[in-house]
């Protein structure tokens, strides 16, 4: 039952412990999704939405059950049709972090899988989490980096993935955010930039029409003329703060603020920080 694509990686674990459904790793596309523990709202939205979109077309999402991007990658996948796999750095009788114990149970209840190379009762060391990353990338067909600082641990997974000959994808972020430095670094070094989920689907030759039919279409949501004007303005500019939106639309700030709040609630916009807004992917 040992995963076939793990057998040939460097320093392959001699034995694996698991809970859940091992068949998740067979005959499916499995993509690892990693990123910062100290993620921004932008990173959270990207992780959840991209993970769900991939899950909707049957792609399984692998992550590490850590706080931050890992958590939201698992949550997004649980909302779709795919299954999610957690590779943990502690034994199965000691799920860490403890705040994700309920999430781990949801993964199992949904027919997913939890993997560890550490025997029951083993002590947990910080180095465990570095070493488990080779498994995370090893059982995947590619790695997606959602948000990562220049020295993020997520980039260790990228190094393993490159050594193992796996595809590496990266989501670009705000050039002024330190949480995007790692993503931009690996894009410069050759990682595939993700502009939309289609960039990933095309790589694996998955029917884009299926994706388009099942994805969220902004024009299917009833919006007034001013809301559409603001959405188009942000779409054209990438990101805008509330003052720039006021200057471009000539509307009073109280009306702009009400519209922005409504668009955020409808999951069409995300507020990145300090009243800076971008389209939700």
C-alpha atoms as a PDB file:
ATOM      1  CA  UNK A   1       0.000   0.000   0.000  1.00  0.00           C
ATOM      2  CA  UNK A   2       3.070   2.284   0.085  1.00  0.00           C
ATOM      3  CA  UNK A   3       2.515   5.276  -2.288  1.00  0.00           C
ATOM      4  CA  UNK A   4       4.307   4.446  -5.536  1.00  0.00           C
ATOM      5  CA  UNK A   5       5.520   7.991  -6.223  1.00  0.00           C
ATOM      6  CA  UNK A   6       7.249   8.105  -2.810  1.00  0.00           C
ATOM      7  CA  UNK A   7       9.394   5.034  -3.433  1.00  0.00           C
ATOM      8  CA  UNK A   8      11.948   6.840  -5.579  1.00  0.00           C
ATOM      9  CA  UNK A   9      12.424  10.158  -3.743  1.00  0.00           C
ATOM     10  CA  UNK A  10      15.627  10.887  -1.856  1.00  0.00           C
ATOM     11  CA  UNK A  11      15.442   9.769   1.790  1.00  0.00           C
ATOM     12  CA  UNK A  12      12.045   8.141   1.340  1.00  0.00           C
ATOM     13  CA  UNK A  13      10.392   7.232   4.665  1.00  0.00           C
ATOM     14  CA  UNK A  14      10.802   3.530   5.381  1.00  0.00           C
ATOM     15  CA  UNK A  15       7.320   3.280   6.830  1.00  0.00           C
ATOM     16  CA  UNK A  16       4.192   5.440   6.915  1.00  0.00           C
ATOM     17  CA  UNK A  17       1.360   5.569   9.423  1.00  0.00           C
ATOM     18  CA  UNK A  18      -2.075   6.650   8.281  1.00  0.00           C
ATOM     19  CA  UNK A  19      -5.698   7.236   9.128  1.00  0.00           C
ATOM     20  CA  UNK A  20      -8.363   7.447   6.492  1.00  0.00           C
ATOM     21  CA  UNK A  21      -8.604   6.464   2.841  1.00  0.00           C
ATOM     22  CA  UNK A  22      -5.314   5.486   1.137  1.00  0.00           C
ATOM     23  CA  UNK A  23      -7.090   5.230  -2.216  1.00  0.00           C
ATOM     24  CA  UNK A  24      -7.079   9.050  -2.321  1.00  0.00           C
ATOM     25  CA  UNK A  25      -3.480   8.828  -3.537  1.00  0.00           C
ATOM     26  CA  UNK A  26      -4.331   6.504  -6.447  1.00  0.00           C
ATOM     27  CA  UNK A  27      -5.524   7.454  -9.941  1.00  0.00           C
ATOM     28  CA  UNK A  28      -6.103  11.101  -9.085  1.00  0.00           C
ATOM     29  CA  UNK A  29      -4.275  14.369  -9.580  1.00  0.00           C
ATOM     30  CA  UNK A  30      -2.945  15.417  -6.188  1.00  0.00           C
ATOM     31  CA  UNK A  31      -1.619  18.952  -5.766  1.00  0.00           C
ATOM     32  CA  UNK A  32       0.168  20.237  -2.683  1.00  0.00           C
ATOM     33  CA  UNK A  33      -0.744  23.722  -1.489  1.00  0.00           C
ATOM     34  CA  UNK A  34       1.597  25.480   0.927  1.00  0.00           C
ATOM     35  CA  UNK A  35       2.224  28.946   2.315  1.00  0.00           C
ATOM     36  CA  UNK A  36       2.806  31.122   5.327  1.00  0.00           C
ATOM     37  CA  UNK A  37       1.471  30.504   8.804  1.00  0.00           C
ATOM     38  CA  UNK A  38       1.190  34.301   9.213  1.00  0.00           C
ATOM     39  CA  UNK A  39      -0.976  34.762   6.133  1.00  0.00           C
ATOM     40  CA  UNK A  40      -2.914  37.841   5.064  1.00  0.00           C
ATOM     41  CA  UNK A  41      -6.591  38.023   4.132  1.00  0.00           C
ATOM     42  CA  UNK A  42      -5.492  37.981   0.494  1.00  0.00           C
ATOM     43  CA  UNK A  43      -3.642  34.701   1.060  1.00  0.00           C
ATOM     44  CA  UNK A  44      -6.582  33.189   2.938  1.00  0.00           C
ATOM     45  CA  UNK A  45      -8.981  33.991   0.102  1.00  0.00           C
ATOM     46  CA  UNK A  46      -6.602  32.702  -2.563  1.00  0.00           C
ATOM     47  CA  UNK A  47      -6.010  29.448  -0.681  1.00  0.00           C
ATOM     48  CA  UNK A  48      -9.700  28.765  -0.069  1.00  0.00           C
ATOM     49  CA  UNK A  49     -10.962  29.744  -3.502  1.00  0.00           C
ATOM     50  CA  UNK A  50      -8.266  28.060  -5.574  1.00  0.00           C
ATOM     51  CA  UNK A  51      -8.398  24.921  -3.439  1.00  0.00           C
ATOM     52  CA  UNK A  52     -12.189  24.724  -3.793  1.00  0.00           C
ATOM     53  CA  UNK A  53     -12.049  25.360  -7.553  1.00  0.00           C
ATOM     54  CA  UNK A  54      -9.509  22.576  -8.007  1.00  0.00           C
ATOM     55  CA  UNK A  55     -11.491  20.295  -5.727  1.00  0.00           C
ATOM     56  CA  UNK A  56     -14.644  20.989  -7.767  1.00  0.00           C
ATOM     57  CA  UNK A  57     -13.028  19.285 -10.768  1.00  0.00           C
ATOM     58  CA  UNK A  58     -11.861  16.311  -8.708  1.00  0.00           C
ATOM     59  CA  UNK A  59      -8.307  17.368  -7.870  1.00  0.00           C
ATOM     60  CA  UNK A  60      -7.173  16.399  -4.372  1.00  0.00           C
ATOM     61  CA  UNK A  61      -5.339  18.954  -2.222  1.00  0.00           C
ATOM     62  CA  UNK A  62      -2.401  17.985  -0.021  1.00  0.00           C
ATOM     63  CA  UNK A  63      -1.173  20.228   2.768  1.00  0.00           C
ATOM     64  CA  UNK A  64       0.400  20.107   6.198  1.00  0.00           C
ATOM     65  CA  UNK A  65      -2.468  20.926   8.611  1.00  0.00           C
ATOM     66  CA  UNK A  66      -0.474  23.902   9.931  1.00  0.00           C
ATOM     67  CA  UNK A  67      -2.043  27.188  10.962  1.00  0.00           C
ATOM     68  CA  UNK A  68      -2.418  29.661   8.092  1.00  0.00           C
ATOM     69  CA  UNK A  69      -2.431  28.761   4.395  1.00  0.00           C
ATOM     70  CA  UNK A  70      -2.392  24.998   5.105  1.00  0.00           C
ATOM     71  CA  UNK A  71      -5.592  25.268   7.127  1.00  0.00           C
ATOM     72  CA  UNK A  72      -7.475  27.212   4.459  1.00  0.00           C
ATOM     73  CA  UNK A  73      -6.200  24.912   1.708  1.00  0.00           C
ATOM     74  CA  UNK A  74      -7.783  21.953   3.516  1.00  0.00           C
ATOM     75  CA  UNK A  75     -10.991  23.902   4.210  1.00  0.00           C
ATOM     76  CA  UNK A  76     -11.370  24.959   0.573  1.00  0.00           C
ATOM     77  CA  UNK A  77     -10.922  21.395  -0.649  1.00  0.00           C
ATOM     78  CA  UNK A  78     -13.524  20.108   1.823  1.00  0.00           C
ATOM     79  CA  UNK A  79     -16.067  22.425   0.174  1.00  0.00           C
ATOM     80  CA  UNK A  80     -15.521  20.813  -3.249  1.00  0.00           C
ATOM     81  CA  UNK A  81     -15.681  17.317  -4.715  1.00  0.00           C
ATOM     82  CA  UNK A  82     -12.051  16.323  -4.150  1.00  0.00           C
ATOM     83  CA  UNK A  83     -10.448  14.873  -1.050  1.00  0.00           C
ATOM     84  CA  UNK A  84      -7.771  16.479   1.075  1.00  0.00           C
ATOM     85  CA  UNK A  85      -4.648  14.898   2.549  1.00  0.00           C
ATOM     86  CA  UNK A  86      -2.804  16.161   5.628  1.00  0.00           C
ATOM     87  CA  UNK A  87       0.867  15.229   6.041  1.00  0.00           C
ATOM     88  CA  UNK A  88       1.709  15.938   9.666  1.00  0.00           C
ATOM     89  CA  UNK A  89       4.970  16.285  11.546  1.00  0.00           C
ATOM     90  CA  UNK A  90       3.744  14.483  14.663  1.00  0.00           C
ATOM     91  CA  UNK A  91       2.398  10.985  15.394  1.00  0.00           C
ATOM     92  CA  UNK A  92      -1.225  10.165  14.613  1.00  0.00           C
ATOM     93  CA  UNK A  93      -2.002   9.969  18.333  1.00  0.00           C
ATOM     94  CA  UNK A  94      -0.790  13.539  18.802  1.00  0.00           C
ATOM     95  CA  UNK A  95      -2.355  15.718  16.087  1.00  0.00           C
ATOM     96  CA  UNK A  96      -0.661  19.118  16.030  1.00  0.00           C
ATOM     97  CA  UNK A  97      -1.458  21.955  16.153  1.00  0.00           C
ATOM     98  CA  UNK A  98      -4.185  21.114  18.650  1.00  0.00           C
ATOM     99  CA  UNK A  99      -6.475  23.825  17.332  1.00  0.00           C
ATOM    100  CA  UNK A 100      -6.733  21.812  14.090  1.00  0.00           C
ATOM    101  CA  UNK A 101      -7.832  18.544  15.721  1.00  0.00           C
ATOM    102  CA  UNK A 102     -11.437  19.186  14.613  1.00  0.00           C
ATOM    103  CA  UNK A 103     -10.250  19.966  11.087  1.00  0.00           C
ATOM    104  CA  UNK A 104      -8.314  16.681  11.048  1.00  0.00           C
ATOM    105  CA  UNK A 105     -11.504  14.830  11.997  1.00  0.00           C
ATOM    106  CA  UNK A 106     -13.435  16.618   9.231  1.00  0.00           C
ATOM    107  CA  UNK A 107     -10.794  15.470   6.751  1.00  0.00           C
ATOM    108  CA  UNK A 108     -11.326  11.857   7.841  1.00  0.00           C
ATOM    109  CA  UNK A 109     -15.127  12.172   7.911  1.00  0.00           C
ATOM    110  CA  UNK A 110     -15.015  13.474   4.322  1.00  0.00           C
ATOM    111  CA  UNK A 111     -13.067  10.425   3.128  1.00  0.00           C
ATOM    112  CA  UNK A 112      -9.649  12.099   3.171  1.00  0.00           C
ATOM    113  CA  UNK A 113      -6.330  10.955   4.572  1.00  0.00           C
ATOM    114  CA  UNK A 114      -3.842  11.839   7.312  1.00  0.00           C
ATOM    115  CA  UNK A 115      -0.232  10.643   6.912  1.00  0.00           C
ATOM    116  CA  UNK A 116       2.778  10.621   9.225  1.00  0.00           C
ATOM    117  CA  UNK A 117       6.189   8.955   9.219  1.00  0.00           C
ATOM    118  CA  UNK A 118       6.342   9.112  13.024  1.00  0.00           C
ATOM    119  CA  UNK A 119       5.397   6.146  15.182  1.00  0.00           C
ATOM    120  CA  UNK A 120       2.753   6.315  17.873  1.00  0.00           C
ATOM    121  CA  UNK A 121       4.146   7.931  21.023  1.00  0.00           C
ATOM    122  CA  UNK A 122       7.148   9.510  19.278  1.00  0.00           C
ATOM    123  CA  UNK A 123       8.510  12.807  20.547  1.00  0.00           C
ATOM    124  CA  UNK A 124       7.886  15.846  18.322  1.00  0.00           C
ATOM    125  CA  UNK A 125      10.857  17.984  17.267  1.00  0.00           C
ATOM    126  CA  UNK A 126      10.856  21.190  15.186  1.00  0.00           C
ATOM    127  CA  UNK A 127      12.914  19.408  12.512  1.00  0.00           C
ATOM    128  CA  UNK A 128       9.983  17.010  11.927  1.00  0.00           C
ATOM    129  CA  UNK A 129       8.115  19.723  10.051  1.00  0.00           C
ATOM    130  CA  UNK A 130      10.988  20.359   7.675  1.00  0.00           C
ATOM    131  CA  UNK A 131      11.462  16.643   6.957  1.00  0.00           C
ATOM    132  CA  UNK A 132       7.760  15.979   6.350  1.00  0.00           C
ATOM    133  CA  UNK A 133       7.803  18.455   3.450  1.00  0.00           C
ATOM    134  CA  UNK A 134       9.608  15.905   1.238  1.00  0.00           C
ATOM    135  CA  UNK A 135       6.606  13.609   1.729  1.00  0.00           C
ATOM    136  CA  UNK A 136       4.147  16.400   1.058  1.00  0.00           C
ATOM    137  CA  UNK A 137       5.750  17.170  -2.306  1.00  0.00           C
ATOM    138  CA  UNK A 138       6.611  13.504  -2.980  1.00  0.00           C
ATOM    139  CA  UNK A 139       3.005  12.297  -3.036  1.00  0.00           C
ATOM    140  CA  UNK A 140       1.864  15.278  -5.113  1.00  0.00           C
ATOM    141  CA  UNK A 141       1.893  15.954  -8.847  1.00  0.00           C
ATOM    142  CA  UNK A 142       2.831  19.582  -8.258  1.00  0.00           C
ATOM    143  CA  UNK A 143       3.185  22.242  -5.582  1.00  0.00           C
ATOM    144  CA  UNK A 144       1.262  25.526  -5.358  1.00  0.00           C
ATOM    145  CA  UNK A 145       2.759  28.308  -3.229  1.00  0.00           C
ATOM    146  CA  UNK A 146       0.005  30.686  -2.171  1.00  0.00           C
ATOM    147  CA  UNK A 147       1.790  33.189   0.037  1.00  0.00           C
ATOM    148  CA  UNK A 148       5.343  33.072   1.361  1.00  0.00           C
ATOM    149  CA  UNK A 149       7.899  35.464   2.785  1.00  0.00           C
ATOM    150  CA  UNK A 150      11.483  35.467   1.532  1.00  0.00           C
ATOM    151  CA  UNK A 151      12.588  32.867   4.101  1.00  0.00           C
ATOM    152  CA  UNK A 152       9.315  30.986   4.411  1.00  0.00           C
ATOM    153  CA  UNK A 153       9.306  27.299   5.258  1.00  0.00           C
ATOM    154  CA  UNK A 154       7.034  26.817   2.243  1.00  0.00           C
ATOM    155  CA  UNK A 155      10.062  27.369   0.017  1.00  0.00           C
ATOM    156  CA  UNK A 156      11.657  24.238   1.521  1.00  0.00           C
ATOM    157  CA  UNK A 157       8.766  22.276   0.010  1.00  0.00           C
ATOM    158  CA  UNK A 158       9.519  23.954  -3.328  1.00  0.00           C
ATOM    159  CA  UNK A 159      13.149  22.795  -3.115  1.00  0.00           C
ATOM    160  CA  UNK A 160      11.999  19.222  -2.510  1.00  0.00           C
ATOM    161  CA  UNK A 161       9.523  19.486  -5.393  1.00  0.00           C
ATOM    162  CA  UNK A 162      12.220  20.683  -7.799  1.00  0.00           C
ATOM    163  CA  UNK A 163      14.542  17.862  -6.717  1.00  0.00           C
ATOM    164  CA  UNK A 164      11.698  15.416  -7.345  1.00  0.00           C
ATOM    165  CA  UNK A 165      10.883  16.861 -10.789  1.00  0.00           C
ATOM    166  CA  UNK A 166       7.461  18.202  -9.815  1.00  0.00           C
ATOM    167  CA  UNK A 167       5.635  21.232 -11.256  1.00  0.00           C
ATOM    168  CA  UNK A 168       5.825  24.366  -9.118  1.00  0.00           C
ATOM    169  CA  UNK A 169       3.145  27.070  -9.270  1.00  0.00           C
ATOM    170  CA  UNK A 170       3.139  30.411  -7.500  1.00  0.00           C
ATOM    171  CA  UNK A 171       0.460  33.029  -6.853  1.00  0.00           C
ATOM    172  CA  UNK A 172       1.762  36.589  -7.199  1.00  0.00           C
ATOM    173  CA  UNK A 173       0.906  39.169  -4.571  1.00  0.00           C
ATOM    174  CA  UNK A 174       1.256  42.812  -3.659  1.00  0.00           C
ATOM    175  CA  UNK A 175       4.788  44.038  -4.477  1.00  0.00           C
ATOM    176  CA  UNK A 176       4.734  46.039  -1.243  1.00  0.00           C
ATOM    177  CA  UNK A 177       3.944  43.031   0.930  1.00  0.00           C
ATOM    178  CA  UNK A 178       6.768  41.041   2.517  1.00  0.00           C
ATOM    179  CA  UNK A 179       4.444  38.025   2.372  1.00  0.00           C
ATOM    180  CA  UNK A 180       4.773  38.019  -1.431  1.00  0.00           C
ATOM    181  CA  UNK A 181       8.574  38.104  -1.618  1.00  0.00           C
ATOM    182  CA  UNK A 182       8.992  34.331  -1.604  1.00  0.00           C
ATOM    183  CA  UNK A 183       6.325  33.846  -4.281  1.00  0.00           C
ATOM    184  CA  UNK A 184       7.892  36.461  -6.546  1.00  0.00           C
ATOM    185  CA  UNK A 185      11.344  34.985  -5.995  1.00  0.00           C
ATOM    186  CA  UNK A 186      10.369  31.534  -7.251  1.00  0.00           C
ATOM    187  CA  UNK A 187       8.440  33.037 -10.188  1.00  0.00           C
ATOM    188  CA  UNK A 188      11.673  34.762 -11.246  1.00  0.00           C
ATOM    189  CA  UNK A 189      13.415  31.403 -10.936  1.00  0.00           C
ATOM    190  CA  UNK A 190      10.926  29.651 -13.221  1.00  0.00           C
ATOM    191  CA  UNK A 191       7.817  28.732 -11.218  1.00  0.00           C
ATOM    192  CA  UNK A 192       4.574  28.992 -13.206  1.00  0.00           C
ATOM    193  CA  UNK A 193       2.694  32.164 -12.333  1.00  0.00           C
ATOM    194  CA  UNK A 194      -0.950  31.520 -11.527  1.00  0.00           C
ATOM    195  CA  UNK A 195      -3.242  34.210 -12.872  1.00  0.00           C
ATOM    196  CA  UNK A 196      -6.308  31.984 -12.635  1.00  0.00           C
ATOM    197  CA  UNK A 197      -7.151  28.367 -11.859  1.00  0.00           C
ATOM    198  CA  UNK A 198      -7.157  27.706 -15.598  1.00  0.00           C
ATOM    199  CA  UNK A 199      -3.363  28.064 -15.587  1.00  0.00           C
ATOM    200  CA  UNK A 200      -3.206  24.924 -13.434  1.00  0.00           C
ATOM    201  CA  UNK A 201      -5.957  23.068 -15.286  1.00  0.00           C
ATOM    202  CA  UNK A 202      -4.212  23.659 -18.618  1.00  0.00           C
ATOM    203  CA  UNK A 203      -0.987  22.173 -17.267  1.00  0.00           C
ATOM    204  CA  UNK A 204      -2.800  18.910 -16.511  1.00  0.00           C
ATOM    205  CA  UNK A 205      -5.029  19.070 -19.612  1.00  0.00           C
ATOM    206  CA  UNK A 206      -8.247  19.230 -17.619  1.00  0.00           C
ATOM    207  CA  UNK A 207     -11.318  20.361 -19.582  1.00  0.00           C
ATOM    208  CA  UNK A 208     -11.459  24.112 -19.124  1.00  0.00           C
ATOM    209  CA  UNK A 209     -15.120  24.209 -20.223  1.00  0.00           C
ATOM    210  CA  UNK A 210     -16.050  22.113 -17.215  1.00  0.00           C
ATOM    211  CA  UNK A 211     -14.236  24.533 -14.986  1.00  0.00           C
ATOM    212  CA  UNK A 212     -15.840  27.590 -16.592  1.00  0.00           C
ATOM    213  CA  UNK A 213     -19.323  26.150 -16.237  1.00  0.00           C
ATOM    214  CA  UNK A 214     -18.814  25.445 -12.556  1.00  0.00           C
ATOM    215  CA  UNK A 215     -16.875  28.528 -11.517  1.00  0.00           C
ATOM    216  CA  UNK A 216     -18.271  31.691  -9.965  1.00  0.00           C
ATOM    217  CA  UNK A 217     -19.350  34.240 -12.598  1.00  0.00           C
ATOM    218  CA  UNK A 218     -19.559  37.798 -11.396  1.00  0.00           C
ATOM    219  CA  UNK A 219     -22.157  38.658 -14.027  1.00  0.00           C
ATOM    220  CA  UNK A 220     -24.542  36.091 -12.547  1.00  0.00           C
ATOM    221  CA  UNK A 221     -24.773  38.105  -9.334  1.00  0.00           C
ATOM    222  CA  UNK A 222     -27.262  40.988  -9.413  1.00  0.00           C
ATOM    223  CA  UNK A 223     -25.388  44.256  -8.930  1.00  0.00           C
ATOM    224  CA  UNK A 224     -26.322  47.868  -9.424  1.00  0.00           C
ATOM    225  CA  UNK A 225     -24.560  50.147 -11.886  1.00  0.00           C
ATOM    226  CA  UNK A 226     -22.267  51.738  -9.280  1.00  0.00           C
ATOM    227  CA  UNK A 227     -21.148  48.359  -7.921  1.00  0.00           C
ATOM    228  CA  UNK A 228     -20.283  47.180 -11.431  1.00  0.00           C
ATOM    229  CA  UNK A 229     -18.408  50.439 -12.071  1.00  0.00           C
ATOM    230  CA  UNK A 230     -16.268  49.880  -8.954  1.00  0.00           C
ATOM    231  CA  UNK A 231     -15.615  46.219  -9.812  1.00  0.00           C
ATOM    232  CA  UNK A 232     -14.509  47.139 -13.328  1.00  0.00           C
ATOM    233  CA  UNK A 233     -12.306  49.923 -11.969  1.00  0.00           C
ATOM    234  CA  UNK A 234     -10.526  47.562  -9.571  1.00  0.00           C
ATOM    235  CA  UNK A 235     -10.276  44.901 -12.280  1.00  0.00           C
ATOM    236  CA  UNK A 236      -8.528  47.391 -14.593  1.00  0.00           C
ATOM    237  CA  UNK A 237      -6.106  48.564 -11.909  1.00  0.00           C
ATOM    238  CA  UNK A 238      -5.435  45.368  -9.958  1.00  0.00           C
ATOM    239  CA  UNK A 239      -5.697  46.938  -6.517  1.00  0.00           C
ATOM    240  CA  UNK A 240      -7.022  50.306  -5.342  1.00  0.00           C
ATOM    241  CA  UNK A 241      -7.452  52.010  -2.000  1.00  0.00           C
ATOM    242  CA  UNK A 242     -10.707  53.710  -1.070  1.00  0.00           C
ATOM    243  CA  UNK A 243      -9.365  57.223  -1.803  1.00  0.00           C
ATOM    244  CA  UNK A 244      -8.376  56.223  -5.337  1.00  0.00           C
ATOM    245  CA  UNK A 245     -11.831  54.705  -5.880  1.00  0.00           C
ATOM    246  CA  UNK A 246     -13.442  57.962  -4.708  1.00  0.00           C
ATOM    247  CA  UNK A 247     -11.218  60.019  -7.025  1.00  0.00           C
ATOM    248  CA  UNK A 248     -12.056  57.856 -10.036  1.00  0.00           C
ATOM    249  CA  UNK A 249     -15.806  57.550  -9.445  1.00  0.00           C
ATOM    250  CA  UNK A 250     -16.412  61.070  -8.012  1.00  0.00           C
ATOM    251  CA  UNK A 251     -18.643  59.493  -5.384  1.00  0.00           C
ATOM    252  CA  UNK A 252     -18.702  60.413  -1.697  1.00  0.00           C
ATOM    253  CA  UNK A 253     -16.689  58.173   0.589  1.00  0.00           C
ATOM    254  CA  UNK A 254     -19.722  57.080   2.675  1.00  0.00           C
ATOM    255  CA  UNK A 255     -21.428  55.662  -0.435  1.00  0.00           C
ATOM    256  CA  UNK A 256     -18.227  54.040  -1.669  1.00  0.00           C
ATOM    257  CA  UNK A 257     -17.683  52.473   1.738  1.00  0.00           C
ATOM    258  CA  UNK A 258     -21.197  50.983   1.772  1.00  0.00           C
ATOM    259  CA  UNK A 259     -20.746  49.512  -1.728  1.00  0.00           C
ATOM    260  CA  UNK A 260     -17.314  48.088  -0.885  1.00  0.00           C
ATOM    261  CA  UNK A 261     -18.657  46.440   2.266  1.00  0.00           C
ATOM    262  CA  UNK A 262     -21.468  44.864   0.244  1.00  0.00           C
ATOM    263  CA  UNK A 263     -19.052  43.561  -2.408  1.00  0.00           C
ATOM    264  CA  UNK A 264     -16.801  42.079   0.296  1.00  0.00           C
ATOM    265  CA  UNK A 265     -19.818  40.364   1.894  1.00  0.00           C
ATOM    266  CA  UNK A 266     -20.792  38.956  -1.508  1.00  0.00           C
ATOM    267  CA  UNK A 267     -17.269  37.543  -1.785  1.00  0.00           C
ATOM    268  CA  UNK A 268     -16.510  39.588  -4.910  1.00  0.00           C
ATOM    269  CA  UNK A 269     -13.826  41.786  -3.348  1.00  0.00           C
ATOM    270  CA  UNK A 270     -11.239  41.254  -0.647  1.00  0.00           C
ATOM    271  CA  UNK A 271      -9.899  43.966   1.627  1.00  0.00           C
ATOM    272  CA  UNK A 272      -6.150  43.415   1.757  1.00  0.00           C
ATOM    273  CA  UNK A 273      -5.204  45.999   4.413  1.00  0.00           C
ATOM    274  CA  UNK A 274      -5.744  49.695   5.177  1.00  0.00           C
ATOM    275  CA  UNK A 275      -8.839  49.851   2.956  1.00  0.00           C
ATOM    276  CA  UNK A 276      -7.007  48.498  -0.098  1.00  0.00           C
ATOM    277  CA  UNK A 277      -9.207  46.292  -2.278  1.00  0.00           C
ATOM    278  CA  UNK A 278      -8.697  43.690  -4.998  1.00  0.00           C
ATOM    279  CA  UNK A 279     -10.927  41.263  -6.872  1.00  0.00           C
ATOM    280  CA  UNK A 280     -11.495  37.922  -5.216  1.00  0.00           C
ATOM    281  CA  UNK A 281     -10.037  35.213  -7.493  1.00  0.00           C
END
